[in-house]
N, C-alpha and C. Protein backbone atom coordinates (compact mmCIF):
# COMPACT_ATOMS: atom_id res chain seq x y z
N MET A 1 0.85 -1.16 0.00
CA MET A 1 0.00 0.00 0.00
C MET A 1 0.90 1.23 0.00
N ASP A 2 0.83 2.02 -1.07
CA ASP A 2 1.68 3.18 -1.25
C ASP A 2 0.86 4.45 -1.06
N GLN A 3 0.88 4.97 0.15
CA GLN A 3 0.13 6.20 0.43
C GLN A 3 1.08 7.39 0.46
N GLU A 4 0.61 8.48 -0.14
CA GLU A 4 1.41 9.69 -0.18
C GLU A 4 1.20 10.48 1.11
N ASN A 5 2.30 10.90 1.70
CA ASN A 5 2.24 11.71 2.91
C ASN A 5 1.79 13.11 2.52
N PRO A 6 0.71 13.62 3.12
CA PRO A 6 0.21 14.95 2.76
C PRO A 6 1.18 16.06 3.11
N ASP A 7 2.13 15.80 4.03
CA ASP A 7 3.11 16.81 4.42
C ASP A 7 4.24 16.95 3.40
N THR A 8 4.40 15.95 2.52
CA THR A 8 5.45 16.02 1.50
C THR A 8 4.84 16.42 0.17
N LYS A 9 4.47 17.69 0.09
CA LYS A 9 3.84 18.22 -1.12
C LYS A 9 4.91 18.43 -2.19
N LYS A 10 4.60 18.00 -3.40
CA LYS A 10 5.54 18.13 -4.50
C LYS A 10 5.57 19.57 -5.00
N GLU A 11 6.77 20.02 -5.35
CA GLU A 11 6.94 21.37 -5.90
C GLU A 11 6.43 21.37 -7.34
N THR A 12 5.55 22.32 -7.63
CA THR A 12 4.99 22.42 -8.97
C THR A 12 5.27 23.81 -9.54
N VAL A 13 5.17 23.88 -10.86
CA VAL A 13 5.37 25.14 -11.57
C VAL A 13 4.31 25.23 -12.66
N LEU A 14 3.80 26.44 -12.88
CA LEU A 14 2.79 26.67 -13.90
C LEU A 14 3.48 27.18 -15.16
N ILE A 15 3.39 26.42 -16.24
CA ILE A 15 4.00 26.79 -17.53
C ILE A 15 2.92 26.76 -18.59
N ASN A 16 2.69 27.91 -19.21
CA ASN A 16 1.65 28.03 -20.24
C ASN A 16 0.29 27.53 -19.76
N GLY A 17 -0.02 27.84 -18.51
CA GLY A 17 -1.32 27.48 -17.96
C GLY A 17 -1.43 26.03 -17.51
N LYS A 18 -0.35 25.28 -17.60
CA LYS A 18 -0.38 23.87 -17.20
C LYS A 18 0.58 23.66 -16.04
N GLU A 19 0.09 22.97 -15.01
CA GLU A 19 0.90 22.70 -13.83
C GLU A 19 1.80 21.48 -14.08
N HIS A 20 3.08 21.62 -13.71
CA HIS A 20 4.07 20.55 -13.88
C HIS A 20 4.76 20.30 -12.55
N ASN A 21 5.01 19.02 -12.25
CA ASN A 21 5.84 18.67 -11.10
C ASN A 21 7.29 18.94 -11.48
N VAL A 22 7.98 19.70 -10.65
CA VAL A 22 9.37 20.04 -10.95
C VAL A 22 10.22 18.77 -11.04
N GLU A 23 9.94 17.80 -10.19
CA GLU A 23 10.74 16.58 -10.21
C GLU A 23 10.55 15.76 -11.49
N ASP A 24 9.49 16.05 -12.25
CA ASP A 24 9.26 15.35 -13.51
C ASP A 24 9.96 16.02 -14.69
N LEU A 25 10.51 17.21 -14.49
CA LEU A 25 11.18 17.92 -15.56
C LEU A 25 12.58 17.36 -15.77
N THR A 26 13.08 17.48 -16.99
CA THR A 26 14.45 17.05 -17.26
C THR A 26 15.41 18.05 -16.65
N GLN A 27 16.67 17.67 -16.58
CA GLN A 27 17.69 18.56 -16.03
C GLN A 27 17.77 19.84 -16.87
N GLU A 28 17.67 19.71 -18.18
CA GLU A 28 17.71 20.87 -19.07
C GLU A 28 16.50 21.78 -18.82
N GLN A 29 15.33 21.18 -18.63
CA GLN A 29 14.12 21.98 -18.39
C GLN A 29 14.22 22.74 -17.06
N VAL A 30 14.79 22.10 -16.05
CA VAL A 30 14.98 22.77 -14.76
C VAL A 30 15.96 23.93 -14.92
N LEU A 31 17.03 23.72 -15.68
CA LEU A 31 18.00 24.78 -15.94
C LEU A 31 17.33 25.95 -16.65
N LEU A 32 16.54 25.66 -17.67
CA LEU A 32 15.84 26.72 -18.40
C LEU A 32 14.84 27.44 -17.50
N LEU A 33 14.14 26.69 -16.68
CA LEU A 33 13.19 27.28 -15.73
C LEU A 33 13.92 28.21 -14.76
N ASN A 34 15.05 27.76 -14.24
CA ASN A 34 15.83 28.58 -13.31
C ASN A 34 16.34 29.85 -13.99
N GLN A 35 16.72 29.75 -15.25
CA GLN A 35 17.14 30.93 -16.02
C GLN A 35 15.99 31.93 -16.11
N LEU A 36 14.81 31.43 -16.43
CA LEU A 36 13.65 32.31 -16.57
C LEU A 36 13.28 32.97 -15.24
N VAL A 37 13.31 32.21 -14.17
CA VAL A 37 12.99 32.75 -12.86
C VAL A 37 14.00 33.85 -12.49
N ASP A 38 15.28 33.59 -12.76
CA ASP A 38 16.31 34.57 -12.46
C ASP A 38 16.14 35.83 -13.31
N LEU A 39 15.82 35.65 -14.59
CA LEU A 39 15.61 36.80 -15.47
C LEU A 39 14.41 37.63 -15.03
N GLU A 40 13.33 36.97 -14.63
CA GLU A 40 12.15 37.70 -14.14
C GLU A 40 12.49 38.51 -12.90
N SER A 41 13.29 37.94 -12.02
CA SER A 41 13.72 38.66 -10.82
C SER A 41 14.57 39.87 -11.19
N LYS A 42 15.47 39.70 -12.13
CA LYS A 42 16.33 40.81 -12.56
C LYS A 42 15.50 41.90 -13.25
N ILE A 43 14.53 41.51 -14.04
CA ILE A 43 13.66 42.48 -14.71
C ILE A 43 12.89 43.30 -13.68
N ARG A 44 12.36 42.63 -12.65
CA ARG A 44 11.65 43.34 -11.58
C ARG A 44 12.58 44.33 -10.88
N GLN A 45 13.82 43.90 -10.62
CA GLN A 45 14.79 44.76 -9.93
C GLN A 45 15.16 45.96 -10.81
N VAL A 46 15.39 45.73 -12.09
CA VAL A 46 15.74 46.83 -13.00
C VAL A 46 14.57 47.79 -13.14
N THR A 47 13.36 47.27 -13.22
CA THR A 47 12.17 48.12 -13.30
C THR A 47 12.04 48.97 -12.04
N PHE A 48 12.26 48.38 -10.88
CA PHE A 48 12.24 49.09 -9.61
C PHE A 48 13.28 50.21 -9.61
N ASN A 49 14.50 49.88 -10.04
CA ASN A 49 15.57 50.87 -10.09
C ASN A 49 15.24 51.98 -11.08
N LEU A 50 14.67 51.63 -12.22
CA LEU A 50 14.29 52.63 -13.22
C LEU A 50 13.23 53.57 -12.67
N ASP A 51 12.26 53.03 -11.94
CA ASP A 51 11.24 53.87 -11.31
C ASP A 51 11.88 54.86 -10.34
N GLN A 52 12.84 54.38 -9.54
CA GLN A 52 13.54 55.26 -8.61
C GLN A 52 14.31 56.34 -9.36
N LEU A 53 15.01 55.95 -10.41
CA LEU A 53 15.80 56.91 -11.18
C LEU A 53 14.91 57.96 -11.83
N ASN A 54 13.80 57.54 -12.40
CA ASN A 54 12.88 58.49 -13.04
C ASN A 54 12.29 59.45 -12.02
N ALA A 55 11.95 58.96 -10.84
CA ALA A 55 11.41 59.83 -9.80
C ALA A 55 12.48 60.82 -9.33
N SER A 56 13.69 60.36 -9.16
CA SER A 56 14.79 61.23 -8.75
C SER A 56 15.08 62.28 -9.82
N LYS A 57 15.07 61.87 -11.07
CA LYS A 57 15.31 62.80 -12.18
C LYS A 57 14.23 63.88 -12.20
N ALA A 58 12.99 63.49 -12.02
CA ALA A 58 11.89 64.46 -12.01
C ALA A 58 12.05 65.43 -10.84
N HIS A 59 12.47 64.91 -9.70
CA HIS A 59 12.65 65.76 -8.52
C HIS A 59 13.77 66.78 -8.75
N PHE A 60 14.92 66.32 -9.25
CA PHE A 60 16.03 67.24 -9.49
C PHE A 60 15.71 68.22 -10.61
N SER A 61 14.97 67.78 -11.59
CA SER A 61 14.54 68.68 -12.66
C SER A 61 13.64 69.77 -12.10
N MET A 62 12.73 69.40 -11.21
CA MET A 62 11.85 70.37 -10.57
C MET A 62 12.66 71.37 -9.75
N LEU A 63 13.64 70.87 -8.99
CA LEU A 63 14.48 71.77 -8.19
C LEU A 63 15.25 72.74 -9.08
N LEU A 64 15.79 72.25 -10.19
CA LEU A 64 16.51 73.12 -11.12
C LEU A 64 15.58 74.16 -11.72
N ASN A 65 14.42 73.73 -12.17
CA ASN A 65 13.46 74.67 -12.75
C ASN A 65 13.02 75.71 -11.72
N ASN A 66 12.80 75.28 -10.48
CA ASN A 66 12.43 76.22 -9.43
C ASN A 66 13.55 77.22 -9.18
N SER A 67 14.79 76.74 -9.15
CA SER A 67 15.91 77.65 -8.89
C SER A 67 16.10 78.62 -10.06
N LEU A 68 15.88 78.16 -11.27
CA LEU A 68 15.98 79.05 -12.43
C LEU A 68 14.86 80.08 -12.41
N GLY A 69 13.69 79.69 -12.00
CA GLY A 69 12.56 80.62 -11.87
C GLY A 69 12.83 81.69 -10.84
N GLU A 70 13.45 81.31 -9.73
CA GLU A 70 13.79 82.27 -8.67
C GLU A 70 14.82 83.27 -9.18
N VAL A 71 15.81 82.80 -9.94
CA VAL A 71 16.84 83.68 -10.48
C VAL A 71 16.21 84.65 -11.48
N GLU A 72 15.35 84.13 -12.37
CA GLU A 72 14.71 84.98 -13.37
C GLU A 72 13.82 86.03 -12.70
N GLU A 73 13.10 85.66 -11.65
CA GLU A 73 12.25 86.63 -10.94
C GLU A 73 13.11 87.70 -10.31
N ALA A 74 14.24 87.32 -9.72
CA ALA A 74 15.13 88.29 -9.09
C ALA A 74 15.71 89.24 -10.14
N GLU A 75 16.07 88.72 -11.29
CA GLU A 75 16.63 89.55 -12.36
C GLU A 75 15.58 90.52 -12.88
N VAL A 76 14.34 90.08 -13.02
CA VAL A 76 13.27 90.95 -13.49
C VAL A 76 13.06 92.08 -12.50
N VAL A 77 13.10 91.83 -11.22
CA VAL A 77 12.93 92.85 -10.20
C VAL A 77 14.06 93.87 -10.30
N ASN A 78 15.28 93.39 -10.51
CA ASN A 78 16.44 94.28 -10.62
C ASN A 78 16.35 95.17 -11.86
N GLU A 79 15.80 94.68 -12.96
CA GLU A 79 15.70 95.44 -14.19
C GLU A 79 14.70 96.59 -14.07
N ASN A 80 13.72 96.49 -13.21
CA ASN A 80 12.71 97.53 -13.07
C ASN A 80 13.20 98.71 -12.24
N LYS A 81 14.33 98.64 -11.61
CA LYS A 81 14.82 99.73 -10.76
C LYS A 81 15.37 100.85 -11.56
C-alpha cells in the first residue's frame, strides 16, 4: 500500500497554464526554468531601479526649474529699478 504523505507536497510550476511537477522535468528543463525565474527577478529589480531613477530625475529637474525661476524673478525685479 503506497500512500502519499500529505506533508510532503511536491513542488509544482505553472508553464503556459499547465501545472508541472518540478521533479518530472528534465535537467535541461529545470535549468531553463531557473534561467527564466532569475531573469524575471532581474527584470523586476531593473524596473524598480528605473522607477527610482525616473522619480529622482523628475525631482532634481523640478528643483533646477524652481531655482531658475527664482533667479529669473530676481533679475526681473532688478531690471525695473
